[in-house]
Amino acid sequence: MAGGTGGAGGGTGGVNGTSGASSSGFVAGGAGGNNGVVLVDGPDTFGPYGIGANGADSNNIRAESGSDGGVVITWGGGLGGTIKYTAPTIVTVTSAGVDGGSVQTGTPGLQPNSIGVGGVALNYAPISRNWRATSTGNTSFAWNRALGFICTGSNITESELKTWGFTLVDVPHADDIYLDKFSAAVDGNFSIGYAIIRHAATSISQSTFVTLAMLSDPIAGRNSRSSDSNPFSDGSFPYGKGPWVIPTPGVNEFVYLWVSDTSGSDTRSVTVTYTPQ
């Protein structure tokens, strides 16, 4: 007697189950097929899923064939609740650049800056379309949009955002925020990070600044550097490659990206990913 045929693999790359062995008596069904379905989450792979059912054991002339494999994925809380998945949003902002030593100004708000060794201005410029370099006399060096975030139920008001140099249309409610990559034609060191300012702060200079990464260019002149292809560090500590985590803002927090440029840069680009709340 012939054993039962295994379940079909099904799907692209699926593998059929094996048939049960021939026998003069009791016959075992074939093993179930494999649909070849896997789930990929970043660097992690799960599966394969969708294993076909084994053929049924039988005393008949031929054992019964197994069922084809199937895949059911449940996402969310289960128990009949609504399942919701929001695709991440990817945003890239750009800026022509800034001359070294210039002070960033713009309306609304005032740009904080500190003076480094030799009187060079260290411009902790928020990535905001409102800021411009005073050395140009126009907005040609302003970012094309802002990179700032609040949470659902935030206490941050629209008037506060304007005071700090941001417009509400550029400030999404977000979590799972990442700085993916950044690049610039650098003439020295170019730092990037996030800053947090709290509800009721009267000046953006009251922000807390955190450095995430840096581009470094020891070669004379302005040279293109990218976080995902060129060496970058502060000369003593390598920051590694992205993505870098940006914290989800609390109800009293506004989180935004900033850059610091000691000696000038141009063709600046920053890419972030976040999940809309």
Protein backbone atom coordinates (compact mmCIF):
# COMPACT_ATOMS: atom_id res chain seq x y z
CA MET A 1 0.00 0.00 0.00
CA ALA A 2 1.13 3.56 -0.72
CA GLY A 3 1.42 6.17 1.99
CA GLY A 4 -0.61 9.38 1.82
CA THR A 5 0.71 12.36 -0.12
CA GLY A 6 1.99 15.27 2.00
CA GLY A 7 0.30 18.68 1.86
CA ALA A 8 1.29 21.04 -0.97
CA GLY A 9 3.75 23.77 -0.10
CA GLY A 10 1.85 26.55 -1.86
CA GLY A 11 3.07 30.11 -2.38
CA THR A 12 6.34 31.17 -3.95
CA GLY A 13 9.12 28.83 -2.89
CA GLY A 14 6.80 26.51 -1.00
CA VAL A 15 7.91 22.91 -0.53
CA ASN A 16 5.50 20.00 -0.79
CA GLY A 17 5.29 17.46 2.01
CA THR A 18 6.68 13.99 1.49
CA SER A 19 4.52 10.98 0.81
CA GLY A 20 4.09 8.30 3.44
CA ALA A 21 6.11 5.11 3.05
CA SER A 22 4.65 2.10 1.25
CA SER A 23 3.54 -0.65 3.55
CA SER A 24 1.76 -3.98 3.58
CA GLY A 25 -0.24 -2.89 6.60
CA PHE A 26 -0.79 0.36 8.47
CA VAL A 27 0.20 3.42 6.38
CA ALA A 28 1.51 6.72 7.76
CA GLY A 29 0.54 9.92 5.94
CA GLY A 30 3.16 12.20 4.39
CA ALA A 31 4.66 15.20 6.22
CA GLY A 32 3.07 18.60 5.71
CA GLY A 33 4.35 21.06 3.10
CA ASN A 34 5.99 24.43 3.89
CA ASN A 35 4.61 27.65 2.40
CA GLY A 36 7.99 29.30 2.76
CA VAL A 37 6.47 32.42 4.37
CA VAL A 38 8.75 34.42 6.68
CA LEU A 39 8.37 37.68 8.62
CA VAL A 40 11.24 40.14 8.59
CA ASP A 41 11.59 42.82 11.29
CA GLY A 42 14.77 44.79 10.69
CA PRO A 43 17.67 42.39 11.19
CA ASP A 44 15.45 39.62 12.62
CA THR A 45 13.76 36.90 10.54
CA PHE A 46 10.91 34.79 11.92
CA GLY A 47 9.43 31.64 10.43
CA PRO A 48 8.93 30.05 8.05
CA TYR A 49 5.22 29.87 8.73
CA GLY A 50 2.38 28.03 7.01
CA ILE A 51 3.31 24.37 7.48
CA GLY A 52 0.90 22.00 5.76
CA ALA A 53 -0.88 19.36 7.84
CA ASN A 54 0.56 15.84 7.79
CA GLY A 55 -1.31 13.22 5.79
CA ALA A 56 -3.67 11.18 7.94
CA ASP A 57 -2.55 7.75 9.14
CA SER A 58 -4.75 5.03 7.62
CA ASN A 59 -5.35 1.30 7.24
CA ASN A 60 -6.88 1.99 3.82
CA ILE A 61 -5.16 1.20 0.53
CA ARG A 62 -3.86 4.77 0.46
CA ALA A 63 -3.51 7.10 3.41
CA GLU A 64 -5.30 10.48 3.13
CA SER A 65 -3.37 13.48 1.76
CA GLY A 66 -2.39 16.31 4.10
CA SER A 67 -3.89 19.81 3.84
CA ASP A 68 -1.94 22.64 2.19
CA GLY A 69 -0.17 25.08 4.49
CA GLY A 70 -1.84 28.40 5.28
CA VAL A 71 -0.72 31.61 7.00
CA VAL A 72 -2.78 33.81 9.31
CA ILE A 73 -1.08 36.78 10.96
CA THR A 74 -2.83 38.59 13.80
CA TRP A 75 -1.53 42.08 14.58
CA GLY A 76 -2.55 44.03 17.67
CA GLY A 77 -4.39 43.21 20.87
CA GLY A 78 -6.58 40.40 19.57
CA LEU A 79 -9.87 39.50 21.28
CA GLY A 80 -11.82 40.86 18.33
CA GLY A 81 -10.40 44.37 18.78
CA THR A 82 -9.59 46.68 15.91
CA ILE A 83 -6.18 46.04 14.43
CA LYS A 84 -4.36 49.20 13.31
CA TYR A 85 -0.98 49.64 11.74
CA THR A 86 0.43 53.05 10.82
CA ALA A 87 3.22 53.08 8.29
CA PRO A 88 6.33 55.06 9.30
CA THR A 89 6.85 58.49 7.76
CA ILE A 90 10.22 59.32 6.22
CA VAL A 91 11.18 62.99 5.93
CA THR A 92 14.29 64.52 4.37
CA VAL A 93 15.06 68.20 4.91
CA THR A 94 17.73 70.21 3.14
CA SER A 95 19.57 73.49 3.45
CA ALA A 96 22.01 75.28 1.16
CA GLY A 97 24.35 75.86 4.11
CA VAL A 98 25.81 78.51 6.37
CA ASP A 99 29.01 80.54 6.48
CA GLY A 100 31.33 79.87 9.41
CA GLY A 101 30.98 82.21 12.33
CA SER A 102 27.65 83.70 11.30
CA VAL A 103 24.85 84.09 13.80
CA GLN A 104 21.53 82.53 12.84
CA THR A 105 18.54 84.84 13.13
CA GLY A 106 14.96 84.72 11.98
CA THR A 107 11.41 85.53 12.84
CA PRO A 108 9.72 84.56 14.98
CA GLY A 109 12.08 83.84 17.86
CA LEU A 110 15.71 84.53 18.60
CA GLN A 111 18.52 82.08 17.86
CA PRO A 112 20.83 81.20 20.77
CA ASN A 113 24.54 80.95 20.11
CA SER A 114 27.72 80.64 22.14
CA ILE A 115 31.22 81.83 21.37
CA GLY A 116 34.01 79.26 21.13
CA VAL A 117 37.79 79.51 21.07
CA GLY A 118 39.03 82.41 18.94
CA GLY A 119 35.61 84.03 18.86
CA VAL A 120 34.12 81.49 16.46
CA ALA A 121 30.35 81.29 16.85
CA LEU A 122 29.01 77.83 17.64
CA ASN A 123 25.58 77.91 16.07
CA TYR A 124 23.14 75.59 17.77
CA ALA A 125 20.68 76.18 14.96
CA PRO A 126 17.36 74.37 15.19
CA ILE A 127 16.40 72.73 11.93
CA SER A 128 13.66 75.18 11.11
CA ARG A 129 12.63 76.93 7.91
CA ASN A 130 12.42 80.22 9.87
CA TRP A 131 16.13 80.57 10.56
CA ARG A 132 18.51 82.21 8.10
CA ALA A 133 22.17 83.19 8.10
CA THR A 134 22.67 86.92 8.66
CA SER A 135 25.75 86.80 6.45
CA THR A 136 23.56 86.27 3.37
CA GLY A 137 20.94 88.88 4.14
CA ASN A 138 18.16 86.61 2.88
CA THR A 139 16.60 83.19 3.48
CA SER A 140 18.72 81.28 0.96
CA PHE A 141 20.39 79.25 3.72
CA ALA A 142 17.16 78.37 5.58
CA TRP A 143 16.08 74.73 5.89
CA ASN A 144 13.20 73.77 3.62
CA ARG A 145 11.14 72.63 6.61
CA ALA A 146 11.36 71.97 10.34
CA LEU A 147 12.13 68.77 12.22
CA GLY A 148 10.27 68.99 15.49
CA PHE A 149 7.88 66.67 17.33
CA ILE A 150 5.17 66.71 20.00
CA CYS A 151 2.92 63.97 21.38
CA THR A 152 -0.83 63.53 21.33
CA GLY A 153 -2.31 65.52 24.20
CA SER A 154 0.69 67.86 24.27
CA ASN A 155 0.55 71.01 26.38
CA ILE A 156 2.87 72.82 23.94
CA THR A 157 0.92 75.72 22.40
CA GLU A 158 1.10 77.11 18.89
CA SER A 159 2.25 80.47 20.23
CA GLU A 160 5.14 78.77 22.07
CA LEU A 161 6.22 77.03 18.86
CA LYS A 162 6.20 80.37 17.05
CA THR A 163 8.27 81.96 19.80
CA TRP A 164 10.82 79.17 19.43
CA GLY A 165 10.91 79.55 15.63
CA PHE A 166 8.64 76.70 14.48
CA THR A 167 5.29 76.56 12.73
CA LEU A 168 2.59 74.09 13.70
CA VAL A 169 2.35 72.56 10.21
CA ASP A 170 5.95 71.30 10.59
CA VAL A 171 5.43 69.68 13.99
CA PRO A 172 3.72 66.25 13.85
CA HIS A 173 2.49 64.15 16.76
CA ALA A 174 4.96 61.29 16.69
CA ASP A 175 6.75 58.43 18.42
CA ASP A 176 9.35 55.85 17.33
CA ILE A 177 11.50 58.73 16.04
CA TYR A 178 14.91 58.02 14.46
CA LEU A 179 17.63 60.09 12.86
CA ASP A 180 18.42 57.83 9.89
CA LYS A 181 21.26 59.66 8.17
CA PHE A 182 22.69 63.08 7.39
CA SER A 183 25.27 64.63 5.10
CA ALA A 184 26.97 67.94 4.34
CA ALA A 185 29.88 69.48 2.49
CA VAL A 186 31.98 70.23 5.57
CA ASP A 187 34.83 72.64 6.22
CA GLY A 188 35.63 71.38 9.73
CA ASN A 189 33.22 69.67 12.13
CA PHE A 190 29.47 69.36 11.70
CA SER A 191 27.46 68.06 14.68
CA ILE A 192 23.84 66.99 14.85
CA GLY A 193 21.55 66.01 17.69
CA TYR A 194 18.20 66.61 19.33
CA ALA A 195 17.10 69.22 21.82
CA ILE A 196 14.25 69.27 24.32
CA ILE A 197 12.45 72.41 25.45
CA ARG A 198 9.61 72.33 27.94
CA HIS A 199 6.20 73.94 28.06
CA ALA A 200 6.25 77.54 29.39
CA ALA A 201 9.90 78.13 28.44
CA THR A 202 10.23 81.73 27.25
CA SER A 203 13.28 81.25 24.99
CA ILE A 204 14.60 78.44 22.83
CA SER A 205 17.95 79.00 24.56
CA GLN A 206 16.41 77.15 27.53
CA SER A 207 16.60 73.91 25.53
CA THR A 208 18.70 70.93 26.59
CA PHE A 209 21.02 69.90 23.73
CA VAL A 210 22.14 66.30 23.14
CA THR A 211 24.76 65.40 20.50
CA LEU A 212 24.06 62.25 18.47
CA ALA A 213 26.74 62.26 15.78
CA MET A 214 29.29 64.31 13.88
CA LEU A 215 30.87 64.69 10.45
CA SER A 216 34.57 65.52 10.48
CA ASP A 217 36.65 66.80 7.58
CA PRO A 218 40.41 67.24 8.20
CA ILE A 219 41.11 68.04 4.53
CA ALA A 220 41.44 71.69 3.56
CA GLY A 221 38.40 73.12 1.81
CA ARG A 222 34.77 72.08 1.93
CA ASN A 223 34.32 68.37 1.24
CA SER A 224 31.21 66.18 1.14
CA ARG A 225 30.75 63.84 4.08
CA SER A 226 27.91 61.40 4.82
CA SER A 227 26.99 59.53 7.98
CA ASP A 228 26.46 56.27 6.09
CA SER A 229 29.67 56.22 4.03
CA ASN A 230 32.46 58.45 5.40
CA PRO A 231 34.43 58.37 8.65
CA PHE A 232 33.01 60.78 11.16
CA SER A 233 33.89 61.54 14.76
CA ASP A 234 35.01 64.38 17.00
CA GLY A 235 38.63 63.26 16.63
CA SER A 236 38.61 61.24 19.83
CA PHE A 237 35.37 59.27 19.85
CA PRO A 238 33.73 57.62 16.81
CA TYR A 239 29.95 57.93 16.86
CA GLY A 240 29.20 54.97 14.59
CA LYS A 241 26.51 54.74 11.93
CA GLY A 242 22.79 55.40 12.31
CA PRO A 243 19.99 55.16 12.88
CA TRP A 244 20.01 57.08 16.15
CA VAL A 245 17.05 57.09 18.54
CA ILE A 246 15.29 60.40 19.24
CA PRO A 247 13.14 60.29 22.38
CA THR A 248 9.36 60.50 22.15
CA PRO A 249 8.26 63.84 23.64
CA GLY A 250 6.18 63.93 26.82
CA VAL A 251 3.10 66.12 27.17
CA ASN A 252 5.21 69.07 28.35
CA GLU A 253 8.10 68.58 25.90
CA PHE A 254 8.93 69.73 22.39
CA VAL A 255 11.72 67.68 20.75
CA TYR A 256 13.54 69.06 17.73
CA LEU A 257 16.73 68.47 15.76
CA TRP A 258 19.61 70.95 15.66
CA VAL A 259 22.98 71.24 13.97
CA SER A 260 26.20 72.89 15.11
CA ASP A 261 28.75 74.09 12.58
CA THR A 262 32.14 75.49 13.64
CA SER A 263 33.47 76.65 10.29
CA GLY A 264 30.86 76.49 7.55
CA SER A 265 29.08 73.86 5.45
CA ASP A 266 26.69 73.57 2.53
CA THR A 267 24.43 71.05 0.76
CA ARG A 268 23.17 69.85 4.11
CA SER A 269 20.62 67.01 4.27
CA VAL A 270 18.97 65.24 7.21
CA THR A 271 16.60 62.23 7.05
CA VAL A 272 14.37 61.10 9.92
CA THR A 273 11.75 58.37 10.32
CA TYR A 274 8.82 58.52 12.74
CA THR A 275 5.44 56.90 13.34
CA PRO A 276 2.50 59.35 13.40
CA GLN A 277 0.42 59.09 16.56
